[in-house]
C-alpha atoms as a PDB file:
ATOM      1  CA  MET A   1       0.000   0.000   0.000  1.00  0.00           C
ATOM      2  CA  ARG A   2       2.851   2.399   0.813  1.00  0.00           C
ATOM      3  CA  ARG A   3       4.455   1.841  -2.577  1.00  0.00           C
ATOM      4  CA  ALA A   4       1.191   2.587  -4.381  1.00  0.00           C
ATOM      5  CA  ALA A   5       0.753   5.833  -2.424  1.00  0.00           C
ATOM      6  CA  LEU A   6       4.358   6.827  -3.140  1.00  0.00           C
ATOM      7  CA  LEU A   7       3.958   6.019  -6.838  1.00  0.00           C
ATOM      8  CA  THR A   8       0.739   8.049  -6.995  1.00  0.00           C
ATOM      9  CA  ALA A   9       2.423  11.015  -5.287  1.00  0.00           C
ATOM     10  CA  LEU A  10       5.354  10.854  -7.715  1.00  0.00           C
ATOM     11  CA  LEU A  11       3.013  10.737 -10.721  1.00  0.00           C
ATOM     12  CA  GLN A  12       1.070  13.744  -9.424  1.00  0.00           C
ATOM     13  CA  ALA A  13       4.292  15.679  -8.850  1.00  0.00           C
ATOM     14  CA  ALA A  14       5.472  14.885 -12.365  1.00  0.00           C
ATOM     15  CA  THR A  15       2.121  16.015 -13.803  1.00  0.00           C
ATOM     16  CA  LEU A  16       2.239  19.276 -11.861  1.00  0.00           C
ATOM     17  CA  ALA A  17       5.828  19.891 -12.922  1.00  0.00           C
ATOM     18  CA  GLY A  18       4.753  19.622 -16.543  1.00  0.00           C
ATOM     19  CA  HIS A  19       2.141  22.340 -16.011  1.00  0.00           C
ATOM     20  CA  THR A  20       4.552  24.821 -14.440  1.00  0.00           C
ATOM     21  CA  SER A  21       6.516  25.552 -17.582  1.00  0.00           C
ATOM     22  CA  ALA A  22       8.025  28.982 -17.867  1.00  0.00           C
ATOM     23  CA  ALA A  23       6.377  31.691 -19.925  1.00  0.00           C
ATOM     24  CA  THR A  24       8.676  33.480 -22.393  1.00  0.00           C
ATOM     25  CA  TYR A  25       8.448  37.193 -23.206  1.00  0.00           C
ATOM     26  CA  ARG A  26      10.492  39.530 -25.350  1.00  0.00           C
ATOM     27  CA  VAL A  27      12.245  42.139 -23.192  1.00  0.00           C
ATOM     28  CA  ASP A  28      11.808  45.829 -24.006  1.00  0.00           C
ATOM     29  CA  ASP A  29      15.341  46.983 -24.856  1.00  0.00           C
ATOM     30  CA  THR A  30      14.476  50.312 -26.498  1.00  0.00           C
ATOM     31  CA  GLY A  31      16.975  52.065 -24.215  1.00  0.00           C
ATOM     32  CA  THR A  32      19.879  49.990 -25.591  1.00  0.00           C
ATOM     33  CA  VAL A  33      22.524  51.941 -27.517  1.00  0.00           C
ATOM     34  CA  VAL A  34      25.126  50.508 -29.893  1.00  0.00           C
ATOM     35  CA  ASN A  35      28.128  52.857 -29.811  1.00  0.00           C
ATOM     36  CA  GLN A  36      28.902  52.535 -33.526  1.00  0.00           C
ATOM     37  CA  PRO A  37      26.058  51.595 -35.854  1.00  0.00           C
ATOM     38  CA  VAL A  38      28.470  50.458 -38.587  1.00  0.00           C
ATOM     39  CA  THR A  39      31.237  48.107 -37.474  1.00  0.00           C
ATOM     40  CA  ALA A  40      34.170  47.580 -39.788  1.00  0.00           C
ATOM     41  CA  MET A  41      35.110  43.924 -40.129  1.00  0.00           C
ATOM     42  CA  LYS A  42      38.832  43.292 -40.634  1.00  0.00           C
ATOM     43  CA  TRP A  43      40.640  40.210 -41.889  1.00  0.00           C
ATOM     44  CA  ARG A  44      42.188  38.139 -39.105  1.00  0.00           C
ATOM     45  CA  GLN A  45      45.179  37.445 -41.382  1.00  0.00           C
ATOM     46  CA  LEU A  46      46.629  40.135 -43.631  1.00  0.00           C
ATOM     47  CA  VAL A  47      46.636  37.845 -46.680  1.00  0.00           C
ATOM     48  CA  PRO A  48      43.826  35.296 -46.511  1.00  0.00           C
ATOM     49  CA  SER A  49      44.237  32.205 -48.677  1.00  0.00           C
ATOM     50  CA  ARG A  50      42.449  28.977 -49.524  1.00  0.00           C
ATOM     51  CA  ALA A  51      44.437  27.054 -46.936  1.00  0.00           C
ATOM     52  CA  GLY A  52      44.557  29.893 -44.417  1.00  0.00           C
ATOM     53  CA  ASP A  53      42.159  31.615 -42.120  1.00  0.00           C
ATOM     54  CA  ASN A  54      39.479  33.625 -43.959  1.00  0.00           C
ATOM     55  CA  THR A  55      37.877  35.005 -40.824  1.00  0.00           C
ATOM     56  CA  VAL A  56      36.866  38.645 -40.578  1.00  0.00           C
ATOM     57  CA  GLU A  57      36.425  40.180 -37.126  1.00  0.00           C
ATOM     58  CA  GLY A  58      34.952  43.279 -35.573  1.00  0.00           C
ATOM     59  CA  GLN A  59      34.132  44.678 -32.151  1.00  0.00           C
ATOM     60  CA  VAL A  60      31.384  46.899 -30.866  1.00  0.00           C
ATOM     61  CA  ASN A  61      30.396  48.166 -27.431  1.00  0.00           C
ATOM     62  CA  VAL A  62      26.737  47.997 -26.503  1.00  0.00           C
ATOM     63  CA  ALA A  63      25.127  49.864 -23.603  1.00  0.00           C
ATOM     64  CA  LEU A  64      22.198  47.642 -22.648  1.00  0.00           C
ATOM     65  CA  ARG A  65      19.097  48.899 -20.882  1.00  0.00           C
ATOM     66  CA  LEU A  66      16.548  46.137 -20.360  1.00  0.00           C
ATOM     67  CA  ASN A  67      13.128  47.051 -18.993  1.00  0.00           C
ATOM     68  CA  LEU A  68      12.311  44.315 -16.464  1.00  0.00           C
ATOM     69  CA  ALA A  69       9.671  46.273 -14.499  1.00  0.00           C
ATOM     70  CA  SER A  70       6.985  43.627 -15.109  1.00  0.00           C
ATOM     71  CA  TRP A  71       9.098  40.933 -13.458  1.00  0.00           C
ATOM     72  CA  VAL A  72      10.613  42.624 -10.359  1.00  0.00           C
ATOM     73  CA  ASN A  73      10.998  40.234  -7.382  1.00  0.00           C
ATOM     74  CA  ARG A  74      10.463  37.174  -9.585  1.00  0.00           C
ATOM     75  CA  PRO A  75      13.021  34.515 -10.445  1.00  0.00           C
ATOM     76  CA  ALA A  76      13.826  34.614 -14.141  1.00  0.00           C
ATOM     77  CA  ARG A  77      16.193  33.558 -16.865  1.00  0.00           C
ATOM     78  CA  ILE A  78      17.197  36.059 -19.517  1.00  0.00           C
ATOM     79  CA  TYR A  79      18.472  34.942 -22.907  1.00  0.00           C
ATOM     80  CA  MET A  80      20.260  36.812 -25.684  1.00  0.00           C
ATOM     81  CA  VAL A  81      18.917  35.932 -29.136  1.00  0.00           C
ATOM     82  CA  LEU A  82      20.904  36.598 -32.311  1.00  0.00           C
ATOM     83  CA  ALA A  83      18.807  36.718 -35.479  1.00  0.00           C
ATOM     84  CA  PRO A  84      19.771  34.466 -38.391  1.00  0.00           C
ATOM     85  CA  THR A  85      22.002  36.104 -40.995  1.00  0.00           C
ATOM     86  CA  GLU A  86      21.994  35.644 -44.744  1.00  0.00           C
ATOM     87  CA  GLY A  87      24.461  33.122 -46.072  1.00  0.00           C
ATOM     88  CA  GLU A  88      27.168  33.021 -43.451  1.00  0.00           C
ATOM     89  CA  GLN A  89      27.217  31.971 -39.818  1.00  0.00           C
ATOM     90  CA  LEU A  90      28.033  34.965 -37.687  1.00  0.00           C
ATOM     91  CA  GLN A  91      29.684  34.196 -34.369  1.00  0.00           C
ATOM     92  CA  ALA A  92      29.353  36.597 -31.467  1.00  0.00           C
ATOM     93  CA  SER A  93      31.071  36.509 -28.099  1.00  0.00           C
ATOM     94  CA  TRP A  94      31.003  39.098 -25.349  1.00  0.00           C
ATOM     95  CA  ARG A  95      32.459  40.247 -22.087  1.00  0.00           C
ATOM     96  CA  THR A  96      30.405  42.004 -19.459  1.00  0.00           C
ATOM     97  CA  GLN A  97      30.866  44.138 -16.381  1.00  0.00           C
ATOM     98  CA  GLY A  98      29.323  41.432 -14.202  1.00  0.00           C
ATOM     99  CA  ARG A  99      25.556  41.949 -14.218  1.00  0.00           C
ATOM    100  CA  LEU A 100      25.146  39.520 -17.129  1.00  0.00           C
ATOM    101  CA  LEU A 101      27.020  36.329 -17.917  1.00  0.00           C
ATOM    102  CA  PRO A 102      29.739  36.475 -20.583  1.00  0.00           C
ATOM    103  CA  GLY A 103      29.208  34.068 -23.435  1.00  0.00           C
ATOM    104  CA  ALA A 104      29.154  33.188 -27.102  1.00  0.00           C
ATOM    105  CA  LEU A 105      26.468  32.615 -29.689  1.00  0.00           C
ATOM    106  CA  ARG A 106      25.985  31.853 -33.391  1.00  0.00           C
ATOM    107  CA  SER A 107      23.471  33.607 -35.621  1.00  0.00           C
ATOM    108  CA  GLY A 108      20.052  32.048 -35.252  1.00  0.00           C
ATOM    109  CA  GLY A 109      20.837  30.945 -31.683  1.00  0.00           C
ATOM    110  CA  ARG A 110      19.907  31.842 -28.123  1.00  0.00           C
ATOM    111  CA  THR A 111      21.957  31.631 -24.924  1.00  0.00           C
ATOM    112  CA  LEU A 112      21.503  32.289 -21.219  1.00  0.00           C
ATOM    113  CA  VAL A 113      22.877  35.616 -19.937  1.00  0.00           C
ATOM    114  CA  TYR A 114      21.107  35.907 -16.548  1.00  0.00           C
ATOM    115  CA  ASP A 115      19.612  33.455 -14.064  1.00  0.00           C
ATOM    116  CA  GLY A 116      18.264  34.777 -10.792  1.00  0.00           C
ATOM    117  CA  LEU A 117      15.876  37.119  -9.045  1.00  0.00           C
ATOM    118  CA  VAL A 118      14.942  40.295 -10.913  1.00  0.00           C
ATOM    119  CA  ARG A 119      15.744  42.984  -8.345  1.00  0.00           C
ATOM    120  CA  ASP A 120      15.412  46.241 -10.291  1.00  0.00           C
ATOM    121  CA  PRO A 121      13.004  47.535 -12.947  1.00  0.00           C
ATOM    122  CA  PHE A 122      15.914  48.222 -15.313  1.00  0.00           C
ATOM    123  CA  LEU A 123      19.007  46.141 -15.902  1.00  0.00           C
ATOM    124  CA  THR A 124      21.853  48.200 -17.313  1.00  0.00           C
ATOM    125  CA  GLU A 125      25.101  46.681 -18.507  1.00  0.00           C
ATOM    126  CA  THR A 126      27.810  47.447 -21.029  1.00  0.00           C
ATOM    127  CA  ILE A 127      28.988  44.534 -23.127  1.00  0.00           C
ATOM    128  CA  GLN A 128      31.932  44.352 -25.480  1.00  0.00           C
ATOM    129  CA  LEU A 129      30.684  42.331 -28.422  1.00  0.00           C
ATOM    130  CA  SER A 130      33.215  40.544 -30.662  1.00  0.00           C
ATOM    131  CA  LEU A 131      31.972  39.373 -34.059  1.00  0.00           C
ATOM    132  CA  ALA A 132      33.520  36.873 -36.466  1.00  0.00           C
ATOM    133  CA  ALA A 133      32.460  35.404 -39.821  1.00  0.00           C
ATOM    134  CA  ASP A 134      33.950  33.745 -42.896  1.00  0.00           C
ATOM    135  CA  GLY A 135      34.992  36.669 -45.086  1.00  0.00           C
ATOM    136  CA  ARG A 136      34.569  34.628 -48.278  1.00  0.00           C
ATOM    137  CA  LEU A 137      30.838  34.396 -47.626  1.00  0.00           C
ATOM    138  CA  LEU A 138      30.196  38.070 -46.876  1.00  0.00           C
ATOM    139  CA  THR A 139      28.773  39.619 -50.006  1.00  0.00           C
ATOM    140  CA  ARG A 140      27.218  42.824 -48.667  1.00  0.00           C
ATOM    141  CA  THR A 141      26.648  44.912 -45.566  1.00  0.00           C
ATOM    142  CA  GLN A 142      24.358  43.250 -43.042  1.00  0.00           C
ATOM    143  CA  SER A 143      22.744  44.481 -39.882  1.00  0.00           C
ATOM    144  CA  LEU A 144      23.348  42.839 -36.548  1.00  0.00           C
ATOM    145  CA  GLN A 145      20.008  42.069 -34.971  1.00  0.00           C
ATOM    146  CA  PHE A 146      19.745  40.776 -31.445  1.00  0.00           C
ATOM    147  CA  HIS A 147      17.207  40.971 -28.664  1.00  0.00           C
ATOM    148  CA  PHE A 148      16.554  39.531 -25.225  1.00  0.00           C
ATOM    149  CA  GLU A 149      13.905  37.125 -23.960  1.00  0.00           C
ATOM    150  CA  ILE A 150      12.902  36.444 -20.378  1.00  0.00           C
ATOM    151  CA  GLU A 151      11.456  33.223 -18.975  1.00  0.00           C
ATOM    152  CA  VAL A 152       9.438  33.396 -15.754  1.00  0.00           C
ATOM    153  CA  LEU A 153       7.213  30.890 -14.018  1.00  0.00           C
ATOM    154  CA  PRO A 154       3.503  31.697 -14.252  1.00  0.00           C
END
């Protein structure tokens, strides 16, 4: 009888856990400022070749201002999302001042940058974003599009 009660309790817990999935919202980042709207990409090697490294790189500083007012005093996970790019895979990595996690991401991907209690209505942070792509596949100027998503329990 004890085993049946324990099994029933475990099944109920598993069912409830399935119903407590996190809700995902796009974060208002209208206060975010990119310090240079056009970032020059430079060859990693002075003379790229078929056998060599054809990577182009660039850096940009971004002053983030994320409006988290709707989620103050709630545990949350915040993700950075990098939009897909045409043709080539753009790679982004960044360093932070400590409010967000440093990390790396490929175009079309999403990665965790914050996990914890939202304490303030606005999260401000400056990140140094490093970009890299295969220079052979870049055919024209492209815009870097990223945004942030937040997951909170209902």
